[in-house]
Structure formats: C-alpha cells, structure tokens
Amino acid sequence: MPMPSRTHTTPTLATPTLHCACCGRPFTRTSGRGPTPLYCSADCRTQIRIRQRVWSSRPGYAVASGTANHRSTLFETACAS
C-alpha cells in the first residue's frame, strides 16, 4: 500500500501590525528584509523630513541641534592642546 505523499509547507509567521510614526495609521510590513519601517508611505517620509527641517530652523531648536556634532571645550584638559 503506497503512502500518501506529504507536501511540505513553510509555516507563515504572523506579521505584526505596525503604526506609522507620522500619521498613526496601522500598516503591514511589505518585506521581511532590512530594518522595520517607521512610516506607512513615501508621503509620510517626506512629511517627516519637512517637519524636521522646519523644527531645526526654529530659534530654540537650531542651537541645540547645531552643537550636537561639535566637540565641547568644557571638558578639554591642558594636555589636549
């Protein structure tokens, strides 16, 4: 009596529902490769870039973000010069 052939099925992993960091809409990940996306669409990515540019040009924010890449002279020692 021949044995019935088994078909091998790959178990599918449940994809968690992600929420867009821009608009808050739920979305599913289109690819399992690479880092987890933060935004649901190219429009949201563009919107966040615009917001970051506007926020960084505001008076209180430009000073804080502009000094992030510069070394502080507060902690320099006499040997450093």
PDB file of N, CA and C in Angstrom:
ATOM      1  N   MET A   1       0.837  -1.176   0.000  1.00  0.00           N
ATOM      2  CA  MET A   1       0.000   0.000   0.000  1.00  0.00           C
ATOM      3  C   MET A   1       0.889   1.248   0.000  1.00  0.00           C
ATOM      4  N   PRO A   2       0.773   2.083  -1.026  1.00  0.00           N
ATOM      5  CA  PRO A   2       1.635   3.271  -1.096  1.00  0.00           C
ATOM      6  C   PRO A   2       1.214   4.317  -0.069  1.00  0.00           C
ATOM      7  N   MET A   3       2.216   4.992   0.438  1.00  0.00           N
ATOM      8  CA  MET A   3       1.980   6.067   1.421  1.00  0.00           C
ATOM      9  C   MET A   3       1.584   7.338   0.669  1.00  0.00           C
ATOM     10  N   PRO A   4       0.630   8.074   1.192  1.00  0.00           N
ATOM     11  CA  PRO A   4       0.280   9.345   0.541  1.00  0.00           C
ATOM     12  C   PRO A   4       1.453  10.326   0.658  1.00  0.00           C
ATOM     13  N   SER A   5       1.707  11.046  -0.403  1.00  0.00           N
ATOM     14  CA  SER A   5       2.822  11.998  -0.366  1.00  0.00           C
ATOM     15  C   SER A   5       2.432  13.218   0.461  1.00  0.00           C
ATOM     16  N   ARG A   6       3.402  13.691   1.184  1.00  0.00           N
ATOM     17  CA  ARG A   6       3.186  14.883   2.011  1.00  0.00           C
ATOM     18  C   ARG A   6       3.726  16.102   1.284  1.00  0.00           C
ATOM     19  N   THR A   7       3.010  17.128   1.343  1.00  0.00           N
ATOM     20  CA  THR A   7       3.519  18.380   0.790  1.00  0.00           C
ATOM     21  C   THR A   7       4.092  19.188   1.942  1.00  0.00           C
ATOM     22  N   HIS A   8       5.275  19.662   1.706  1.00  0.00           N
ATOM     23  CA  HIS A   8       5.956  20.439   2.743  1.00  0.00           C
ATOM     24  C   HIS A   8       5.502  21.896   2.651  1.00  0.00           C
ATOM     25  N   THR A   9       4.964  22.392   3.724  1.00  0.00           N
ATOM     26  CA  THR A   9       4.552  23.792   3.744  1.00  0.00           C
ATOM     27  C   THR A   9       5.402  24.549   4.744  1.00  0.00           C
ATOM     28  N   THR A  10       5.838  25.702   4.339  1.00  0.00           N
ATOM     29  CA  THR A  10       6.613  26.556   5.221  1.00  0.00           C
ATOM     30  C   THR A  10       5.651  27.299   6.126  1.00  0.00           C
ATOM     31  N   PRO A  11       5.895  27.240   7.439  1.00  0.00           N
ATOM     32  CA  PRO A  11       4.981  27.962   8.323  1.00  0.00           C
ATOM     33  C   PRO A  11       5.099  29.467   8.100  1.00  0.00           C
ATOM     34  N   THR A  12       3.980  30.105   8.006  1.00  0.00           N
ATOM     35  CA  THR A  12       3.986  31.555   7.829  1.00  0.00           C
ATOM     36  C   THR A  12       3.961  32.214   9.198  1.00  0.00           C
ATOM     37  N   LEU A  13       4.829  33.176   9.348  1.00  0.00           N
ATOM     38  CA  LEU A  13       4.889  33.909  10.600  1.00  0.00           C
ATOM     39  C   LEU A  13       3.894  35.050  10.550  1.00  0.00           C
ATOM     40  N   ALA A  14       3.239  35.281  11.651  1.00  0.00           N
ATOM     41  CA  ALA A  14       2.275  36.378  11.709  1.00  0.00           C
ATOM     42  C   ALA A  14       3.035  37.699  11.683  1.00  0.00           C
ATOM     43  N   THR A  15       2.677  38.552  10.763  1.00  0.00           N
ATOM     44  CA  THR A  15       3.328  39.856  10.703  1.00  0.00           C
ATOM     45  C   THR A  15       2.596  40.807  11.627  1.00  0.00           C
ATOM     46  N   PRO A  16       3.319  41.404  12.541  1.00  0.00           N
ATOM     47  CA  PRO A  16       2.652  42.322  13.458  1.00  0.00           C
ATOM     48  C   PRO A  16       2.203  43.588  12.734  1.00  0.00           C
ATOM     49  N   THR A  17       1.146  44.162  13.208  1.00  0.00           N
ATOM     50  CA  THR A  17       0.667  45.411  12.631  1.00  0.00           C
ATOM     51  C   THR A  17       1.516  46.547  13.181  1.00  0.00           C
ATOM     52  N   LEU A  18       2.061  47.326  12.289  1.00  0.00           N
ATOM     53  CA  LEU A  18       2.875  48.477  12.671  1.00  0.00           C
ATOM     54  C   LEU A  18       2.015  49.728  12.586  1.00  0.00           C
ATOM     55  N   HIS A  19       2.431  50.763  13.289  1.00  0.00           N
ATOM     56  CA  HIS A  19       1.722  52.035  13.239  1.00  0.00           C
ATOM     57  C   HIS A  19       2.688  53.116  12.777  1.00  0.00           C
ATOM     58  N   CYS A  20       2.250  53.908  11.833  1.00  0.00           N
ATOM     59  CA  CYS A  20       3.071  54.947  11.236  1.00  0.00           C
ATOM     60  C   CYS A  20       3.442  56.000  12.280  1.00  0.00           C
ATOM     61  N   ALA A  21       4.725  56.395  12.297  1.00  0.00           N
ATOM     62  CA  ALA A  21       5.193  57.408  13.240  1.00  0.00           C
ATOM     63  C   ALA A  21       4.749  58.811  12.846  1.00  0.00           C
ATOM     64  N   CYS A  22       4.240  58.969  11.633  1.00  0.00           N
ATOM     65  CA  CYS A  22       3.788  60.273  11.167  1.00  0.00           C
ATOM     66  C   CYS A  22       2.287  60.458  11.386  1.00  0.00           C
ATOM     67  N   CYS A  23       1.496  59.545  10.824  1.00  0.00           N
ATOM     68  CA  CYS A  23       0.043  59.727  10.857  1.00  0.00           C
ATOM     69  C   CYS A  23      -0.663  58.768  11.815  1.00  0.00           C
ATOM     70  N   GLY A  24       0.029  57.733  12.286  1.00  0.00           N
ATOM     71  CA  GLY A  24      -0.563  56.807  13.239  1.00  0.00           C
ATOM     72  C   GLY A  24      -1.395  55.693  12.628  1.00  0.00           C
ATOM     73  N   ARG A  25      -1.510  55.660  11.304  1.00  0.00           N
ATOM     74  CA  ARG A  25      -2.304  54.608  10.655  1.00  0.00           C
ATOM     75  C   ARG A  25      -1.615  53.260  10.782  1.00  0.00           C
ATOM     76  N   PRO A  26      -2.389  52.196  10.978  1.00  0.00           N
ATOM     77  CA  PRO A  26      -1.778  50.864  11.006  1.00  0.00           C
ATOM     78  C   PRO A  26      -1.398  50.433   9.588  1.00  0.00           C
ATOM     79  N   PHE A  27      -0.271  49.725   9.474  1.00  0.00           N
ATOM     80  CA  PHE A  27       0.147  49.192   8.184  1.00  0.00           C
ATOM     81  C   PHE A  27       0.940  47.913   8.413  1.00  0.00           C
ATOM     82  N   THR A  28       1.044  47.112   7.369  1.00  0.00           N
ATOM     83  CA  THR A  28       1.816  45.877   7.470  1.00  0.00           C
ATOM     84  C   THR A  28       3.112  46.046   6.707  1.00  0.00           C
ATOM     85  N   ARG A  29       4.098  45.348   7.149  1.00  0.00           N
ATOM     86  CA  ARG A  29       5.419  45.401   6.552  1.00  0.00           C
ATOM     87  C   ARG A  29       5.396  44.699   5.202  1.00  0.00           C
ATOM     88  N   THR A  30       5.918  45.337   4.162  1.00  0.00           N
ATOM     89  CA  THR A  30       5.875  44.755   2.827  1.00  0.00           C
ATOM     90  C   THR A  30       6.994  43.757   2.598  1.00  0.00           C
ATOM     91  N   SER A  31       8.090  43.868   3.321  1.00  0.00           N
ATOM     92  CA  SER A  31       9.214  42.962   3.143  1.00  0.00           C
ATOM     93  C   SER A  31       9.793  42.610   4.501  1.00  0.00           C
ATOM     94  N   GLY A  32      10.273  41.400   4.637  1.00  0.00           N
ATOM     95  CA  GLY A  32      10.892  40.983   5.883  1.00  0.00           C
ATOM     96  C   GLY A  32      12.352  41.343   5.965  1.00  0.00           C
ATOM     97  N   ARG A  33      12.881  41.928   4.905  1.00  0.00           N
ATOM     98  CA  ARG A  33      14.301  42.281   4.872  1.00  0.00           C
ATOM     99  C   ARG A  33      14.506  43.703   5.357  1.00  0.00           C
ATOM    100  N   GLY A  34      15.645  43.934   5.990  1.00  0.00           N
ATOM    101  CA  GLY A  34      16.016  45.272   6.413  1.00  0.00           C
ATOM    102  C   GLY A  34      15.351  45.689   7.705  1.00  0.00           C
ATOM    103  N   PRO A  35      15.595  46.925   8.119  1.00  0.00           N
ATOM    104  CA  PRO A  35      15.012  47.421   9.369  1.00  0.00           C
ATOM    105  C   PRO A  35      13.499  47.630   9.243  1.00  0.00           C
ATOM    106  N   THR A  36      12.852  47.642  10.358  1.00  0.00           N
ATOM    107  CA  THR A  36      11.409  47.858  10.396  1.00  0.00           C
ATOM    108  C   THR A  36      11.102  49.294   9.977  1.00  0.00           C
ATOM    109  N   PRO A  37      10.195  49.486   9.032  1.00  0.00           N
ATOM    110  CA  PRO A  37       9.878  50.843   8.588  1.00  0.00           C
ATOM    111  C   PRO A  37       9.104  51.613   9.660  1.00  0.00           C
ATOM    112  N   LEU A  38       9.324  52.911   9.700  1.00  0.00           N
ATOM    113  CA  LEU A  38       8.618  53.768  10.657  1.00  0.00           C
ATOM    114  C   LEU A  38       7.382  54.409  10.050  1.00  0.00           C
ATOM    115  N   TYR A  39       7.360  54.526   8.725  1.00  0.00           N
ATOM    116  CA  TYR A  39       6.293  55.267   8.061  1.00  0.00           C
ATOM    117  C   TYR A  39       5.543  54.377   7.078  1.00  0.00           C
ATOM    118  N   CYS A  40       4.266  54.674   6.882  1.00  0.00           N
ATOM    119  CA  CYS A  40       3.427  53.835   6.035  1.00  0.00           C
ATOM    120  C   CYS A  40       3.580  54.141   4.553  1.00  0.00           C
ATOM    121  N   SER A  41       4.095  55.306   4.192  1.00  0.00           N
ATOM    122  CA  SER A  41       4.174  55.662   2.776  1.00  0.00           C
ATOM    123  C   SER A  41       5.294  56.663   2.527  1.00  0.00           C
ATOM    124  N   ALA A  42       5.587  56.879   1.264  1.00  0.00           N
ATOM    125  CA  ALA A  42       6.589  57.875   0.886  1.00  0.00           C
ATOM    126  C   ALA A  42       6.112  59.278   1.263  1.00  0.00           C
ATOM    127  N   ASP A  43       4.802  59.508   1.234  1.00  0.00           N
ATOM    128  CA  ASP A  43       4.269  60.821   1.622  1.00  0.00           C
ATOM    129  C   ASP A  43       4.584  61.118   3.088  1.00  0.00           C
ATOM    130  N   CYS A  44       4.443  60.110   3.943  1.00  0.00           N
ATOM    131  CA  CYS A  44       4.740  60.316   5.363  1.00  0.00           C
ATOM    132  C   CYS A  44       6.236  60.544   5.582  1.00  0.00           C
ATOM    133  N   ARG A  45       7.092  59.830   4.834  1.00  0.00           N
ATOM    134  CA  ARG A  45       8.538  60.061   4.952  1.00  0.00           C
ATOM    135  C   ARG A  45       8.891  61.481   4.548  1.00  0.00           C
ATOM    136  N   THR A  46       8.271  61.968   3.465  1.00  0.00           N
ATOM    137  CA  THR A  46       8.507  63.336   3.018  1.00  0.00           C
ATOM    138  C   THR A  46       8.013  64.335   4.051  1.00  0.00           C
ATOM    139  N   GLN A  47       6.842  64.080   4.616  1.00  0.00           N
ATOM    140  CA  GLN A  47       6.267  64.978   5.614  1.00  0.00           C
ATOM    141  C   GLN A  47       7.171  65.090   6.838  1.00  0.00           C
ATOM    142  N   ILE A  48       7.734  63.970   7.288  1.00  0.00           N
ATOM    143  CA  ILE A  48       8.619  63.997   8.454  1.00  0.00           C
ATOM    144  C   ILE A  48       9.897  64.763   8.138  1.00  0.00           C
ATOM    145  N   ARG A  49      10.460  64.595   6.928  1.00  0.00           N
ATOM    146  CA  ARG A  49      11.659  65.353   6.553  1.00  0.00           C
ATOM    147  C   ARG A  49      11.372  66.852   6.551  1.00  0.00           C
ATOM    148  N   ILE A  50      10.200  67.235   6.062  1.00  0.00           N
ATOM    149  CA  ILE A  50       9.820  68.654   6.061  1.00  0.00           C
ATOM    150  C   ILE A  50       9.680  69.160   7.488  1.00  0.00           C
ATOM    151  N   ARG A  51       9.015  68.386   8.337  1.00  0.00           N
ATOM    152  CA  ARG A  51       8.855  68.797   9.742  1.00  0.00           C
ATOM    153  C   ARG A  51      10.205  68.956  10.428  1.00  0.00           C
ATOM    154  N   GLN A  52      11.126  68.015  10.197  1.00  0.00           N
ATOM    155  CA  GLN A  52      12.445  68.105  10.830  1.00  0.00           C
ATOM    156  C   GLN A  52      13.190  69.347  10.358  1.00  0.00           C
ATOM    157  N   ARG A  53      13.079  69.672   9.066  1.00  0.00           N
ATOM    158  CA  ARG A  53      13.742  70.857   8.540  1.00  0.00           C
ATOM    159  C   ARG A  53      13.153  72.122   9.149  1.00  0.00           C
ATOM    160  N   VAL A  54      11.828  72.179   9.286  1.00  0.00           N
ATOM    161  CA  VAL A  54      11.176  73.356   9.863  1.00  0.00           C
ATOM    162  C   VAL A  54      11.513  73.475  11.343  1.00  0.00           C
ATOM    163  N   TRP A  55      11.447  72.349  12.066  1.00  0.00           N
ATOM    164  CA  TRP A  55      11.749  72.391  13.501  1.00  0.00           C
ATOM    165  C   TRP A  55      13.195  72.805  13.757  1.00  0.00           C
ATOM    166  N   SER A  56      14.123  72.322  12.930  1.00  0.00           N
ATOM    167  CA  SER A  56      15.524  72.654  13.167  1.00  0.00           C
ATOM    168  C   SER A  56      15.832  74.107  12.832  1.00  0.00           C
ATOM    169  N   SER A  57      14.992  74.756  12.036  1.00  0.00           N
ATOM    170  CA  SER A  57      15.233  76.164  11.719  1.00  0.00           C
ATOM    171  C   SER A  57      14.619  77.116  12.746  1.00  0.00           C
ATOM    172  N   ARG A  58      13.854  76.577  13.693  1.00  0.00           N
ATOM    173  CA  ARG A  58      13.258  77.432  14.723  1.00  0.00           C
ATOM    174  C   ARG A  58      14.337  77.890  15.698  1.00  0.00           C
ATOM    175  N   PRO A  59      14.178  79.061  16.316  1.00  0.00           N
ATOM    176  CA  PRO A  59      15.237  79.640  17.148  1.00  0.00           C
ATOM    177  C   PRO A  59      15.725  78.740  18.289  1.00  0.00           C
ATOM    178  N   GLY A  60      14.870  78.140  19.049  1.00  0.00           N
ATOM    179  CA  GLY A  60      15.316  77.346  20.188  1.00  0.00           C
ATOM    180  C   GLY A  60      15.916  76.009  19.809  1.00  0.00           C
ATOM    181  N   TYR A  61      15.521  75.473  18.667  1.00  0.00           N
ATOM    182  CA  TYR A  61      15.956  74.135  18.267  1.00  0.00           C
ATOM    183  C   TYR A  61      17.264  74.155  17.497  1.00  0.00           C
ATOM    184  N   ALA A  62      17.542  75.230  16.769  1.00  0.00           N
ATOM    185  CA  ALA A  62      18.742  75.284  15.945  1.00  0.00           C
ATOM    186  C   ALA A  62      20.001  75.257  16.800  1.00  0.00           C
ATOM    187  N   VAL A  63      19.963  75.897  17.959  1.00  0.00           N
ATOM    188  CA  VAL A  63      21.131  75.939  18.831  1.00  0.00           C
ATOM    189  C   VAL A  63      21.424  74.557  19.380  1.00  0.00           C
ATOM    190  N   ALA A  64      20.399  73.846  19.827  1.00  0.00           N
ATOM    191  CA  ALA A  64      20.600  72.528  20.405  1.00  0.00           C
ATOM    192  C   ALA A  64      21.051  71.517  19.366  1.00  0.00           C
ATOM    193  N   SER A  65      20.462  71.550  18.172  1.00  0.00           N
ATOM    194  CA  SER A  65      20.829  70.568  17.156  1.00  0.00           C
ATOM    195  C   SER A  65      22.143  70.931  16.479  1.00  0.00           C
ATOM    196  N   GLY A  66      22.487  72.210  16.445  1.00  0.00           N
ATOM    197  CA  GLY A  66      23.719  72.616  15.786  1.00  0.00           C
ATOM    198  C   GLY A  66      24.964  72.265  16.569  1.00  0.00           C
ATOM    199  N   THR A  67      24.867  72.112  17.868  1.00  0.00           N
ATOM    200  CA  THR A  67      26.034  71.807  18.681  1.00  0.00           C
ATOM    201  C   THR A  67      26.244  70.320  18.865  1.00  0.00           C
ATOM    202  N   ALA A  68      25.366  69.492  18.339  1.00  0.00           N
ATOM    203  CA  ALA A  68      25.477  68.051  18.554  1.00  0.00           C
ATOM    204  C   ALA A  68      26.713  67.471  17.885  1.00  0.00           C
ATOM    205  N   ASN A  69      27.158  68.038  16.767  1.00  0.00           N
ATOM    206  CA  ASN A  69      28.301  67.483  16.054  1.00  0.00           C
ATOM    207  C   ASN A  69      29.619  68.160  16.409  1.00  0.00           C
ATOM    208  N   HIS A  70      29.567  69.117  17.298  1.00  0.00           N
ATOM    209  CA  HIS A  70      30.780  69.838  17.665  1.00  0.00           C
ATOM    210  C   HIS A  70      31.261  69.391  19.038  1.00  0.00           C
ATOM    211  N   ARG A  71      32.575  69.314  19.173  1.00  0.00           N
ATOM    212  CA  ARG A  71      33.159  68.894  20.440  1.00  0.00           C
ATOM    213  C   ARG A  71      33.082  70.036  21.435  1.00  0.00           C
ATOM    214  N   SER A  72      32.661  69.722  22.632  1.00  0.00           N
ATOM    215  CA  SER A  72      32.558  70.729  23.666  1.00  0.00           C
ATOM    216  C   SER A  72      33.948  71.045  24.225  1.00  0.00           C
ATOM    217  N   THR A  73      34.235  72.329  24.439  1.00  0.00           N
ATOM    218  CA  THR A  73      35.515  72.715  25.010  1.00  0.00           C
ATOM    219  C   THR A  73      35.470  72.690  26.533  1.00  0.00           C
ATOM    220  N   LEU A  74      34.325  72.380  27.091  1.00  0.00           N
ATOM    221  CA  LEU A  74      34.166  72.369  28.541  1.00  0.00           C
ATOM    222  C   LEU A  74      35.022  71.302  29.202  1.00  0.00           C
ATOM    223  N   PHE A  75      35.211  70.174  28.549  1.00  0.00           N
ATOM    224  CA  PHE A  75      35.925  69.050  29.162  1.00  0.00           C
ATOM    225  C   PHE A  75      37.347  68.882  28.656  1.00  0.00           C
ATOM    226  N   GLU A  76      37.855  69.840  27.922  1.00  0.00           N
ATOM    227  CA  GLU A  76      39.226  69.719  27.429  1.00  0.00           C
ATOM    228  C   GLU A  76      40.210  69.948  28.564  1.00  0.00           C
ATOM    229  N   THR A  77      41.319  69.232  28.504  1.00  0.00           N
ATOM    230  CA  THR A  77      42.351  69.373  29.537  1.00  0.00           C
ATOM    231  C   THR A  77      43.543  70.115  28.961  1.00  0.00           C
ATOM    232  N   ALA A  78      44.505  70.399  29.787  1.00  0.00           N
ATOM    233  CA  ALA A  78      45.694  71.096  29.326  1.00  0.00           C
ATOM    234  C   ALA A  78      46.489  70.219  28.367  1.00  0.00           C
ATOM    235  N   CYS A  79      46.418  68.920  28.496  1.00  0.00           N
ATOM    236  CA  CYS A  79      47.164  68.009  27.615  1.00  0.00           C
ATOM    237  C   CYS A  79      46.554  67.928  26.232  1.00  0.00           C
ATOM    238  N   ALA A  80      45.323  68.304  26.074  1.00  0.00           N
ATOM    239  CA  ALA A  80      44.622  68.161  24.796  1.00  0.00           C
ATOM    240  C   ALA A  80      45.125  69.140  23.749  1.00  0.00           C
ATOM    241  N   SER A  81      45.773  70.221  24.162  1.00  0.00           N
ATOM    242  CA  SER A  81      46.198  71.219  23.182  1.00  0.00           C
ATOM    243  C   SER A  81      47.537  70.935  22.641  1.00  0.00           C
TER     244      SER A  81
END
